Structure formats: structure tokens, C-alpha cells
C-alpha atoms as a PDB file:
ATOM      1  CA  MET A   1     -23.855  46.678 -41.142  1.00  0.00           C
ATOM      2  CA  LYS A   2     -20.104  46.844 -39.645  1.00  0.00           C
ATOM      3  CA  ARG A   3     -21.770  47.336 -35.989  1.00  0.00           C
ATOM      4  CA  LEU A   4     -23.854  44.409 -35.689  1.00  0.00           C
ATOM      5  CA  PHE A   5     -20.790  42.437 -36.908  1.00  0.00           C
ATOM      6  CA  TYR A   6     -18.955  43.701 -33.702  1.00  0.00           C
ATOM      7  CA  ILE A   7     -21.915  43.104 -31.584  1.00  0.00           C
ATOM      8  CA  PHE A   8     -21.988  39.498 -33.135  1.00  0.00           C
ATOM      9  CA  VAL A   9     -18.203  38.797 -32.244  1.00  0.00           C
ATOM     10  CA  SER A  10     -18.634  40.487 -28.681  1.00  0.00           C
ATOM     11  CA  LEU A  11     -21.248  37.864 -28.102  1.00  0.00           C
ATOM     12  CA  LEU A  12     -19.454  34.944 -29.009  1.00  0.00           C
ATOM     13  CA  GLY A  13     -16.414  35.993 -26.133  1.00  0.00           C
ATOM     14  CA  LEU A  14     -19.462  35.398 -23.514  1.00  0.00           C
ATOM     15  CA  TRP A  15     -20.325  31.765 -24.452  1.00  0.00           C
ATOM     16  CA  SER A  16     -19.552  29.171 -22.229  1.00  0.00           C
ATOM     17  CA  CYS A  17     -17.108  26.109 -23.778  1.00  0.00           C
ATOM     18  CA  ARG A  18     -20.536  24.291 -23.368  1.00  0.00           C
ATOM     19  CA  SER A  19     -22.192  26.700 -25.749  1.00  0.00           C
ATOM     20  CA  LEU A  20     -19.223  27.209 -27.974  1.00  0.00           C
ATOM     21  CA  VAL A  21     -18.938  23.617 -29.547  1.00  0.00           C
ATOM     22  CA  ILE A  22     -21.779  21.944 -28.973  1.00  0.00           C
ATOM     23  CA  GLU A  23     -20.532  18.801 -30.466  1.00  0.00           C
ATOM     24  CA  ASP A  24     -17.613  18.239 -28.400  1.00  0.00           C
ATOM     25  CA  ARG A  25     -18.632  18.444 -24.760  1.00  0.00           C
ATOM     26  CA  LYS A  26     -15.711  16.300 -24.059  1.00  0.00           C
ATOM     27  CA  ALA A  27     -13.230  19.406 -24.413  1.00  0.00           C
ATOM     28  CA  CYS A  28     -15.064  20.942 -21.110  1.00  0.00           C
ATOM     29  CA  PRO A  29     -13.240  20.742 -18.123  1.00  0.00           C
ATOM     30  CA  LYS A  30     -14.808  17.953 -15.343  1.00  0.00           C
ATOM     31  CA  PHE A  31     -14.114  18.152 -12.127  1.00  0.00           C
ATOM     32  CA  VAL A  32     -13.226  14.976 -10.020  1.00  0.00           C
ATOM     33  CA  PHE A  33     -13.573  14.781  -5.907  1.00  0.00           C
ATOM     34  CA  PHE A  34     -12.840  12.076  -3.896  1.00  0.00           C
ATOM     35  CA  ASP A  35     -14.631  10.251  -0.876  1.00  0.00           C
ATOM     36  CA  VAL A  36     -12.626   8.174   1.089  1.00  0.00           C
ATOM     37  CA  THR A  37     -15.208   5.814   2.736  1.00  0.00           C
ATOM     38  CA  ASN A  38     -13.188   4.726   6.025  1.00  0.00           C
ATOM     39  CA  SER A  39     -11.034   7.815   6.291  1.00  0.00           C
ATOM     40  CA  GLU A  40     -11.574   7.626  10.103  1.00  0.00           C
ATOM     41  CA  TYR A  41      -8.926   4.980  10.315  1.00  0.00           C
ATOM     42  CA  PHE A  42      -6.558   7.470   9.279  1.00  0.00           C
ATOM     43  CA  GLN A  43      -5.128  10.793  10.218  1.00  0.00           C
ATOM     44  CA  ASN A  44      -6.294  14.237   8.876  1.00  0.00           C
ATOM     45  CA  ASN A  45      -2.455  14.977   7.867  1.00  0.00           C
ATOM     46  CA  ASP A  46      -1.539  11.786   5.949  1.00  0.00           C
ATOM     47  CA  ILE A  47      -0.180  12.368   2.485  1.00  0.00           C
ATOM     48  CA  VAL A  48      -2.266  10.578  -0.395  1.00  0.00           C
ATOM     49  CA  TYR A  49      -0.367   9.516  -3.311  1.00  0.00           C
ATOM     50  CA  ASN A  50      -3.219  10.081  -5.744  1.00  0.00           C
ATOM     51  CA  SER A  51      -2.670   9.246  -9.436  1.00  0.00           C
ATOM     52  CA  LEU A  52      -5.213   9.314 -12.295  1.00  0.00           C
ATOM     53  CA  TYR A  53      -5.439   7.970 -15.652  1.00  0.00           C
ATOM     54  CA  ARG A  54      -7.892   8.187 -19.094  1.00  0.00           C
ATOM     55  CA  HIS A  55     -10.237   5.445 -19.028  1.00  0.00           C
ATOM     56  CA  PRO A  56      -9.635   3.069 -20.881  1.00  0.00           C
ATOM     57  CA  GLU A  57      -6.986   4.463 -23.303  1.00  0.00           C
ATOM     58  CA  GLY A  58      -4.726   4.572 -20.408  1.00  0.00           C
ATOM     59  CA  ASP A  59      -3.245   7.917 -20.767  1.00  0.00           C
ATOM     60  CA  HIS A  60      -1.473   9.594 -17.378  1.00  0.00           C
ATOM     61  CA  LEU A  61      -3.923  12.872 -16.719  1.00  0.00           C
ATOM     62  CA  ALA A  62      -2.715  13.792 -13.313  1.00  0.00           C
ATOM     63  CA  CYS A  63      -0.287  12.681 -10.190  1.00  0.00           C
ATOM     64  CA  ASP A  64      -0.903  14.646  -7.127  1.00  0.00           C
ATOM     65  CA  HIS A  65      -0.221  14.545  -3.221  1.00  0.00           C
ATOM     66  CA  PRO A  66      -3.192  15.756  -1.240  1.00  0.00           C
ATOM     67  CA  LEU A  67      -3.648  15.722   2.475  1.00  0.00           C
ATOM     68  CA  LEU A  68      -6.405  13.225   3.523  1.00  0.00           C
ATOM     69  CA  ARG A  69      -8.345  16.073   4.910  1.00  0.00           C
ATOM     70  CA  GLU A  70      -8.000  17.888   1.412  1.00  0.00           C
ATOM     71  CA  MET A  71      -9.715  15.213  -0.086  1.00  0.00           C
ATOM     72  CA  GLN A  72     -12.349  14.675   2.597  1.00  0.00           C
ATOM     73  CA  ASP A  73     -13.500  18.629   2.807  1.00  0.00           C
ATOM     74  CA  HIS A  74     -12.998  18.370  -1.289  1.00  0.00           C
ATOM     75  CA  SER A  75     -10.653  21.466  -1.429  1.00  0.00           C
ATOM     76  CA  TYR A  76      -8.670  18.962  -3.652  1.00  0.00           C
ATOM     77  CA  TYR A  77     -10.084  17.858  -6.911  1.00  0.00           C
ATOM     78  CA  ALA A  78      -8.819  16.765 -10.165  1.00  0.00           C
ATOM     79  CA  GLU A  79      -9.643  18.541 -13.613  1.00  0.00           C
ATOM     80  CA  VAL A  80      -9.997  16.335 -16.419  1.00  0.00           C
ATOM     81  CA  ARG A  81     -10.766  16.777 -20.154  1.00  0.00           C
ATOM     82  CA  ARG A  82     -11.783  14.339 -23.142  1.00  0.00           C
ATOM     83  CA  THR A  83     -12.879  11.747 -21.785  1.00  0.00           C
ATOM     84  CA  ASP A  84     -15.813  10.021 -19.884  1.00  0.00           C
ATOM     85  CA  ALA A  85     -14.371   7.928 -17.396  1.00  0.00           C
ATOM     86  CA  VAL A  86     -11.499   7.472 -15.215  1.00  0.00           C
ATOM     87  CA  LYS A  87      -9.408   5.190 -13.648  1.00  0.00           C
ATOM     88  CA  GLY A  88      -6.440   5.183 -10.942  1.00  0.00           C
ATOM     89  CA  TYR A  89      -5.153   4.481  -7.414  1.00  0.00           C
ATOM     90  CA  GLY A  90      -4.278   6.178  -4.004  1.00  0.00           C
ATOM     91  CA  LEU A  91      -1.505   5.205  -1.830  1.00  0.00           C
ATOM     92  CA  VAL A  92      -1.142   6.128   2.357  1.00  0.00           C
ATOM     93  CA  GLY A  93       2.231   4.959   3.735  1.00  0.00           C
ATOM     94  CA  TRP A  94       4.460   4.807   1.078  1.00  0.00           C
ATOM     95  CA  GLU A  95       7.855   5.468   1.914  1.00  0.00           C
ATOM     96  CA  GLY A  96      11.035   3.583   0.599  1.00  0.00           C
ATOM     97  CA  MET A  97       9.547   1.628  -2.269  1.00  0.00           C
ATOM     98  CA  THR A  98      10.313   2.486  -5.611  1.00  0.00           C
ATOM     99  CA  GLN A  99       7.812   3.059  -8.671  1.00  0.00           C
ATOM    100  CA  SER A 100       8.215   1.631 -12.203  1.00  0.00           C
ATOM    101  CA  GLU A 101       4.760   3.314 -13.551  1.00  0.00           C
ATOM    102  CA  SER A 102       2.149   1.644 -11.926  1.00  0.00           C
ATOM    103  CA  ASP A 103       4.106  -0.970 -10.016  1.00  0.00           C
ATOM    104  CA  TRP A 104       5.267  -0.609  -6.645  1.00  0.00           C
ATOM    105  CA  ILE A 105       8.469  -2.003  -5.820  1.00  0.00           C
ATOM    106  CA  VAL A 106      10.271  -3.099  -2.509  1.00  0.00           C
ATOM    107  CA  PRO A 107      14.093  -2.221  -3.122  1.00  0.00           C
ATOM    108  CA  VAL A 108      16.602  -5.099  -3.084  1.00  0.00           C
ATOM    109  CA  GLY A 109      17.727  -5.703   0.627  1.00  0.00           C
ATOM    110  CA  GLY A 110      14.632  -3.360   2.107  1.00  0.00           C
ATOM    111  CA  GLN A 111      11.397  -3.919   3.302  1.00  0.00           C
ATOM    112  CA  ALA A 112       7.698  -3.438   2.492  1.00  0.00           C
ATOM    113  CA  ASP A 113       6.307  -0.113   3.440  1.00  0.00           C
ATOM    114  CA  THR A 114       2.773   0.357   5.570  1.00  0.00           C
ATOM    115  CA  LEU A 115       1.106   0.515   2.432  1.00  0.00           C
ATOM    116  CA  PHE A 116      -2.461   1.067   2.499  1.00  0.00           C
ATOM    117  CA  ARG A 117      -4.182   1.351  -1.327  1.00  0.00           C
ATOM    118  CA  TYR A 118      -7.241   2.387  -2.881  1.00  0.00           C
ATOM    119  CA  ALA A 119      -8.179   2.070  -6.741  1.00  0.00           C
ATOM    120  CA  TYR A 120     -11.179   3.000  -8.845  1.00  0.00           C
ATOM    121  CA  THR A 121     -12.691   2.789 -12.627  1.00  0.00           C
ATOM    122  CA  ALA A 122     -15.815   5.306 -13.024  1.00  0.00           C
ATOM    123  CA  PRO A 123     -17.622   7.487 -15.486  1.00  0.00           C
ATOM    124  CA  ILE A 124     -17.588  11.250 -15.361  1.00  0.00           C
ATOM    125  CA  HIS A 125     -20.468  11.948 -17.195  1.00  0.00           C
ATOM    126  CA  GLU A 126     -20.784  15.616 -15.028  1.00  0.00           C
ATOM    127  CA  GLU A 127     -19.331  18.290 -14.720  1.00  0.00           C
ATOM    128  CA  SER A 128     -18.711  17.755 -10.853  1.00  0.00           C
ATOM    129  CA  ASN A 129     -18.490  14.009  -9.789  1.00  0.00           C
ATOM    130  CA  THR A 130     -17.795  12.653  -6.623  1.00  0.00           C
ATOM    131  CA  ILE A 131     -15.534   9.089  -6.571  1.00  0.00           C
ATOM    132  CA  PRO A 132     -15.897   6.811  -3.306  1.00  0.00           C
ATOM    133  CA  VAL A 133     -12.629   5.062  -2.708  1.00  0.00           C
ATOM    134  CA  GLU A 134     -11.655   2.975   0.176  1.00  0.00           C
ATOM    135  CA  PHE A 135      -8.160   2.050   1.812  1.00  0.00           C
ATOM    136  CA  VAL A 136      -7.220  -1.275   1.787  1.00  0.00           C
ATOM    137  CA  LYS A 137      -4.325  -2.552   3.965  1.00  0.00           C
ATOM    138  CA  GLU A 138      -1.595  -4.262   1.768  1.00  0.00           C
ATOM    139  CA  HIS A 139       0.902  -4.800   4.432  1.00  0.00           C
ATOM    140  CA  ALA A 140       1.554  -7.367   7.364  1.00  0.00           C
ATOM    141  CA  LYS A 141       3.246  -5.720  10.275  1.00  0.00           C
ATOM    142  CA  VAL A 142       5.043  -9.046  11.595  1.00  0.00           C
ATOM    143  CA  THR A 143       7.001  -9.317  15.183  1.00  0.00           C
ATOM    144  CA  ILE A 144       8.819 -12.218  15.788  1.00  0.00           C
ATOM    145  CA  GLN A 145       9.823 -13.260  19.285  1.00  0.00           C
ATOM    146  CA  PHE A 146      12.245 -16.427  20.211  1.00  0.00           C
ATOM    147  CA  VAL A 147      12.012 -17.767  23.241  1.00  0.00           C
ATOM    148  CA  GLY A 148      13.707 -20.645  25.129  1.00  0.00           C
ATOM    149  CA  THR A 149      17.401 -19.367  24.038  1.00  0.00           C
ATOM    150  CA  GLU A 150      18.610 -19.287  27.895  1.00  0.00           C
ATOM    151  CA  THR A 151      19.949 -22.737  27.623  1.00  0.00           C
ATOM    152  CA  PHE A 152      22.706 -21.957  24.789  1.00  0.00           C
ATOM    153  CA  SER A 153      25.693 -21.326  27.152  1.00  0.00           C
ATOM    154  CA  MET A 154      27.856 -19.289  24.538  1.00  0.00           C
ATOM    155  CA  SER A 155      25.205 -16.221  24.315  1.00  0.00           C
ATOM    156  CA  ASN A 156      25.660 -14.975  27.891  1.00  0.00           C
ATOM    157  CA  GLY A 157      22.069 -13.610  27.940  1.00  0.00           C
ATOM    158  CA  LYS A 158      22.335 -12.244  24.330  1.00  0.00           C
ATOM    159  CA  PHE A 159      20.551 -13.671  21.136  1.00  0.00           C
ATOM    160  CA  PRO A 160      22.549 -16.301  19.288  1.00  0.00           C
ATOM    161  CA  PHE A 161      20.693 -15.524  15.960  1.00  0.00           C
ATOM    162  CA  ASP A 162      20.177 -13.799  13.035  1.00  0.00           C
ATOM    163  CA  ILE A 163      17.284 -14.305  10.534  1.00  0.00           C
ATOM    164  CA  VAL A 164      16.472 -13.237   6.826  1.00  0.00           C
ATOM    165  CA  ILE A 165      13.048 -13.267   5.263  1.00  0.00           C
ATOM    166  CA  ARG A 166      12.517 -14.274   1.880  1.00  0.00           C
ATOM    167  CA  SER A 167       9.845 -14.652  -0.887  1.00  0.00           C
ATOM    168  CA  ASN A 168       9.159 -14.453  -4.668  1.00  0.00           C
ATOM    169  CA  THR A 169       6.983 -11.165  -4.051  1.00  0.00           C
ATOM    170  CA  CYS A 170       8.738  -7.776  -4.192  1.00  0.00           C
ATOM    171  CA  GLY A 171       6.081  -5.668  -5.299  1.00  0.00           C
ATOM    172  CA  ILE A 172       2.034  -4.709  -6.154  1.00  0.00           C
ATOM    173  CA  ASN A 173       0.584  -2.659  -9.191  1.00  0.00           C
ATOM    174  CA  ALA A 174      -1.122  -0.131  -7.922  1.00  0.00           C
ATOM    175  CA  ILE A 175      -4.485  -0.112 -10.129  1.00  0.00           C
ATOM    176  CA  THR A 176      -4.849  -3.840 -10.110  1.00  0.00           C
ATOM    177  CA  GLY A 177      -3.370  -5.142  -7.252  1.00  0.00           C
ATOM    178  CA  ASP A 178      -1.534  -7.639  -8.918  1.00  0.00           C
ATOM    179  CA  LEU A 179       1.188  -8.969  -7.092  1.00  0.00           C
ATOM    180  CA  VAL A 180       4.706  -8.468  -8.856  1.00  0.00           C
ATOM    181  CA  LEU A 181       7.019 -11.496  -8.871  1.00  0.00           C
ATOM    182  CA  GLY A 182      10.748 -10.768  -7.915  1.00  0.00           C
ATOM    183  CA  GLN A 183      13.011 -11.922  -5.155  1.00  0.00           C
ATOM    184  CA  TYR A 184      12.785 -10.432  -1.948  1.00  0.00           C
ATOM    185  CA  GLU A 185      14.937 -10.820   1.008  1.00  0.00           C
ATOM    186  CA  TYR A 186      15.166  -8.858   3.857  1.00  0.00           C
ATOM    187  CA  ARG A 187      17.560  -8.972   7.389  1.00  0.00           C
ATOM    188  CA  PRO A 188      15.478  -7.077   9.825  1.00  0.00           C
ATOM    189  CA  GLU A 189      17.244  -5.788  12.938  1.00  0.00           C
ATOM    190  CA  GLU A 190      16.721  -7.077  16.744  1.00  0.00           C
ATOM    191  CA  THR A 191      14.810  -4.625  18.408  1.00  0.00           C
ATOM    192  CA  GLU A 192      14.821  -6.078  21.745  1.00  0.00           C
ATOM    193  CA  VAL A 193      16.662  -9.688  22.875  1.00  0.00           C
ATOM    194  CA  GLY A 194      15.171 -12.468  20.306  1.00  0.00           C
ATOM    195  CA  ARG A 195      12.351  -9.644  18.758  1.00  0.00           C
ATOM    196  CA  PHE A 196      12.576  -8.879  15.491  1.00  0.00           C
ATOM    197  CA  GLN A 197       9.776  -6.817  13.419  1.00  0.00           C
ATOM    198  CA  PHE A 198       9.547  -6.287   9.733  1.00  0.00           C
ATOM    199  CA  ASN A 199       6.465  -5.373   6.725  1.00  0.00           C
ATOM    200  CA  LEU A 200       5.017  -8.096   4.134  1.00  0.00           C
ATOM    201  CA  LEU A 201       3.162  -7.267   1.697  1.00  0.00           C
ATOM    202  CA  ARG A 202       0.436  -9.627   0.404  1.00  0.00           C
ATOM    203  CA  GLN A 203       2.195 -12.831  -0.373  1.00  0.00           C
ATOM    204  CA  ALA A 204       1.826 -14.278  -4.629  1.00  0.00           C
ATOM    205  CA  ASP A 205       2.599 -17.919  -3.400  1.00  0.00           C
ATOM    206  CA  THR A 206       3.474 -20.308  -0.505  1.00  0.00           C
ATOM    207  CA  ASP A 207       7.338 -19.688  -0.351  1.00  0.00           C
ATOM    208  CA  LEU A 208       7.779 -17.471   2.446  1.00  0.00           C
ATOM    209  CA  LYS A 209      10.691 -18.657   4.304  1.00  0.00           C
ATOM    210  CA  MET A 210      12.987 -17.875   7.409  1.00  0.00           C
ATOM    211  CA  ASP A 211      16.202 -18.800   7.374  1.00  0.00           C
ATOM    212  CA  LEU A 212      18.312 -18.916  10.518  1.00  0.00           C
ATOM    213  CA  TYR A 213      21.937 -18.073  11.019  1.00  0.00           C
ATOM    214  CA  GLY A 214      24.806 -18.427  13.717  1.00  0.00           C
ATOM    215  CA  ARG A 215      25.651 -15.194  15.342  1.00  0.00           C
ATOM    216  CA  PRO A 216      29.912 -15.673  15.576  1.00  0.00           C
ATOM    217  CA  GLY A 217      30.867 -16.142  19.142  1.00  0.00           C
ATOM    218  CA  LEU A 218      27.700 -16.420  20.452  1.00  0.00           C
ATOM    219  CA  TYR A 219      26.831 -19.373  18.760  1.00  0.00           C
ATOM    220  CA  GLU A 220      28.746 -23.059  18.314  1.00  0.00           C
ATOM    221  CA  GLN A 221      28.178 -22.668  14.472  1.00  0.00           C
ATOM    222  CA  GLU A 222      28.494 -19.602  12.522  1.00  0.00           C
ATOM    223  CA  GLY A 223      26.463 -19.102   9.363  1.00  0.00           C
ATOM    224  CA  TYR A 224      23.220 -20.351   7.888  1.00  0.00           C
ATOM    225  CA  LEU A 225      21.826 -23.081  10.044  1.00  0.00           C
ATOM    226  CA  ARG A 226      18.175 -24.006   9.056  1.00  0.00           C
ATOM    227  CA  THR A 227      14.987 -22.476   7.162  1.00  0.00           C
ATOM    228  CA  PHE A 228      11.513 -22.082   8.657  1.00  0.00           C
ATOM    229  CA  ASN A 229       8.445 -22.454   6.451  1.00  0.00           C
ATOM    230  CA  LEU A 230       6.780 -19.208   7.755  1.00  0.00           C
ATOM    231  CA  TYR A 231       3.721 -19.416   5.131  1.00  0.00           C
ATOM    232  CA  GLU A 232       2.866 -22.530   6.557  1.00  0.00           C
ATOM    233  CA  MET A 233       3.390 -21.560  10.184  1.00  0.00           C
ATOM    234  CA  LEU A 234       1.066 -18.796   9.585  1.00  0.00           C
ATOM    235  CA  LEU A 235      -1.253 -20.634   7.726  1.00  0.00           C
ATOM    236  CA  SER A 236      -1.345 -23.722   9.983  1.00  0.00           C
ATOM    237  CA  ASP A 237      -1.723 -21.651  13.490  1.00  0.00           C
ATOM    238  CA  ALA A 238      -3.465 -18.744  12.543  1.00  0.00           C
ATOM    239  CA  GLY A 239      -5.532 -19.503   9.065  1.00  0.00           C
ATOM    240  CA  ILE A 240      -3.165 -16.681   7.354  1.00  0.00           C
ATOM    241  CA  THR A 241      -3.935 -16.983   3.476  1.00  0.00           C
ATOM    242  CA  TRP A 242      -2.602 -13.483   2.038  1.00  0.00           C
ATOM    243  CA  GLN A 243      -6.132 -13.310   0.475  1.00  0.00           C
ATOM    244  CA  GLU A 244      -7.607 -11.264   3.318  1.00  0.00           C
ATOM    245  CA  LYS A 245      -9.001  -7.875   2.153  1.00  0.00           C
ATOM    246  CA  ASN A 246      -7.365  -6.416   5.049  1.00  0.00           C
ATOM    247  CA  LEU A 247      -4.502  -8.097   6.193  1.00  0.00           C
ATOM    248  CA  PRO A 248      -3.893  -8.231   9.998  1.00  0.00           C
ATOM    249  CA  ASP A 249      -0.741  -7.843  11.814  1.00  0.00           C
ATOM    250  CA  LEU A 250       1.098 -10.872  13.190  1.00  0.00           C
ATOM    251  CA  TYR A 251       3.099 -11.915  16.326  1.00  0.00           C
ATOM    252  CA  LEU A 252       4.645 -14.849  16.135  1.00  0.00           C
ATOM    253  CA  VAL A 253       6.511 -16.504  19.476  1.00  0.00           C
ATOM    254  CA  ILE A 254       8.841 -19.499  18.726  1.00  0.00           C
ATOM    255  CA  ASP A 255      10.007 -21.274  21.475  1.00  0.00           C
ATOM    256  CA  LEU A 256      13.466 -22.996  20.452  1.00  0.00           C
ATOM    257  CA  LYS A 257      13.551 -25.199  23.214  1.00  0.00           C
ATOM    258  CA  GLU A 258      10.367 -26.885  23.000  1.00  0.00           C
ATOM    259  CA  SER A 259      10.099 -26.464  19.317  1.00  0.00           C
ATOM    260  CA  VAL A 260       6.646 -24.620  19.453  1.00  0.00           C
ATOM    261  CA  VAL A 261       5.459 -21.678  17.510  1.00  0.00           C
ATOM    262  CA  SER A 262       2.252 -20.010  18.698  1.00  0.00           C
ATOM    263  CA  VAL A 263       0.738 -16.788  16.146  1.00  0.00           C
ATOM    264  CA  HIS A 264      -1.320 -13.727  17.486  1.00  0.00           C
ATOM    265  CA  VAL A 265      -3.413 -12.082  14.953  1.00  0.00           C
ATOM    266  CA  ASP A 266      -4.510  -8.816  15.394  1.00  0.00           C
ATOM    267  CA  PRO A 267      -6.987  -7.368  12.729  1.00  0.00           C
ATOM    268  CA  TRP A 268      -7.275  -3.961  11.532  1.00  0.00           C
ATOM    269  CA  GLU A 269     -10.043  -1.486  11.510  1.00  0.00           C
ATOM    270  CA  GLU A 270     -10.479  -2.442  15.200  1.00  0.00           C
ATOM    271  CA  THR A 271      -9.622   0.977  16.150  1.00  0.00           C
ATOM    272  CA  PRO A 272     -10.481   4.351  14.506  1.00  0.00           C
ATOM    273  CA  LEU A 273      -8.281   7.134  14.953  1.00  0.00           C
ATOM    274  CA  ASN A 274     -10.369   9.896  13.313  1.00  0.00           C
ATOM    275  CA  PHE A 275     -13.570  11.537  15.104  1.00  0.00           C
ATOM    276  CA  ASP A 276     -13.372  14.792  13.431  1.00  0.00           C
ATOM    277  CA  LEU A 277     -12.893  14.479   9.644  1.00  0.00           C
END
């Protein structure tokens, strides 16, 4: 009788998780893989911020930083237990923005990152599950070129103004895509004579402004001069509503002499980067 008891105990140790507790399958591990459906627009070595939550409870399960190629060849996966569904998000291009739970915020005085985002909610009924995800471009790279400043006699060939970009949108919720309201104010540096470049997140309202300031010794009036309604410029000249699925890059030419503004729109997803994923 004792011998039979030992045999029975040893057999218990060979049983799988599935066999051991039939009534609690959620305790068994489930493996979650990801398939980026537009990976050709990114670099193989791009680092992805991937965050995973139990759904609908919202408990945080994992936060990893795989390379894009590791997601695509399935060498990266997340192991989860005790849930039949997950939700989460991924980011590429995050750098200077700060995180508060799932909100990503532009620091005061800083600019938005070149942020691409995917989000998902998916069931995971099998032991191995692959979730398709698609990155969306959540930023616009903006270039503003001023022309017609040669008539300002004091400038001696230099651009006599500084600009400050202001709006009410300071961040984004990476899971829902909801925009975070708050003061955004950024003074971009001049990259060439009269040229400024900066990134903007998707805007929550129409209050996107550009303030013009006179530079000391280069213009007859120092300090604040006037405010441009940047939102209306982009809407009226280029039809930009900030509701576009993938935000385009924008090039504005502002002729101060003729008081004329023109906008060139550069849509994303025109030039794939990867051909060998």
C-alpha cells in the first residue's frame, strides 16, 4: 500500500498546469506576441515602449522595451496569468516627455517628442496569442520659414524676431488617445536665418498660437509684438483639423513684407524605411 502511495505522488509531479487544476485555467501562463502591421515605416532597431494591463480590471502586468525586430520575429513576448483579456499601448520616439501612469506629458518649456503610438484591447483565450497593432503618428513636425525681413534696416541680415508657440494641449493618454489639457509653451531655436522647427502633438482645441517678439538691437521695438492664430493658418490654408489619423509634417512660409502665408503638407506613410523585416 505504501508503494502505491509513492507512485501516486510521483505521478502528480508530472502533471501539467492544465491537468493539475482544471477549475482554474487562468492560473496557467498565456503568452502574448505582437505583430506591428506597419513595421516597414520604422527601423528594425527602434525601441518600443510596450505596456500591458489586465482587462477590464486595469492591473498593470508588464512594461518592456523590446526592439521592433524582436516583436516582429516573436523573440519578444509577454507572459500573463489570471485573465482572459488584456489592453495596453506601445510607443516609438518617446524621449523627453514625462510619464504619469498612462499619460505622457510635455515638460514645461519643452516640446513634444516624435511620438508614434499603438493601443489595443484583445482577448487571450489560447496559450499563445498574437495581437496585431498599428502605429499612428501623434505628432506633426513643423517648420516655419519667415521671408521678407530684408526691409528691416536694423537687422543687418539677421532675423530680428523670436517666436513662442502656445496651446492648451500638453500631453496624450497612451491607452485611450485622449489629449491632456494643460499649458504648453515652447520657444524654438532658429536653425537658419528666419527658420524655426519644432514638434506639436495632436491639438485638443483651436487655441494654437504663435507670439512674435522683437530681438534687442535688431528691431525697433523689443519684446512682445503680436500673436498669430496658428490653428486658423493651418486650417484655412491646408485643411489641417488635427483629427487626421496620422498627422502630417507641415512647412509654413510667412512673408512678413507681403503679409502672405503658405502651407505645404507632407503626409506620412509615403516612404517606407524597412524592406527586410
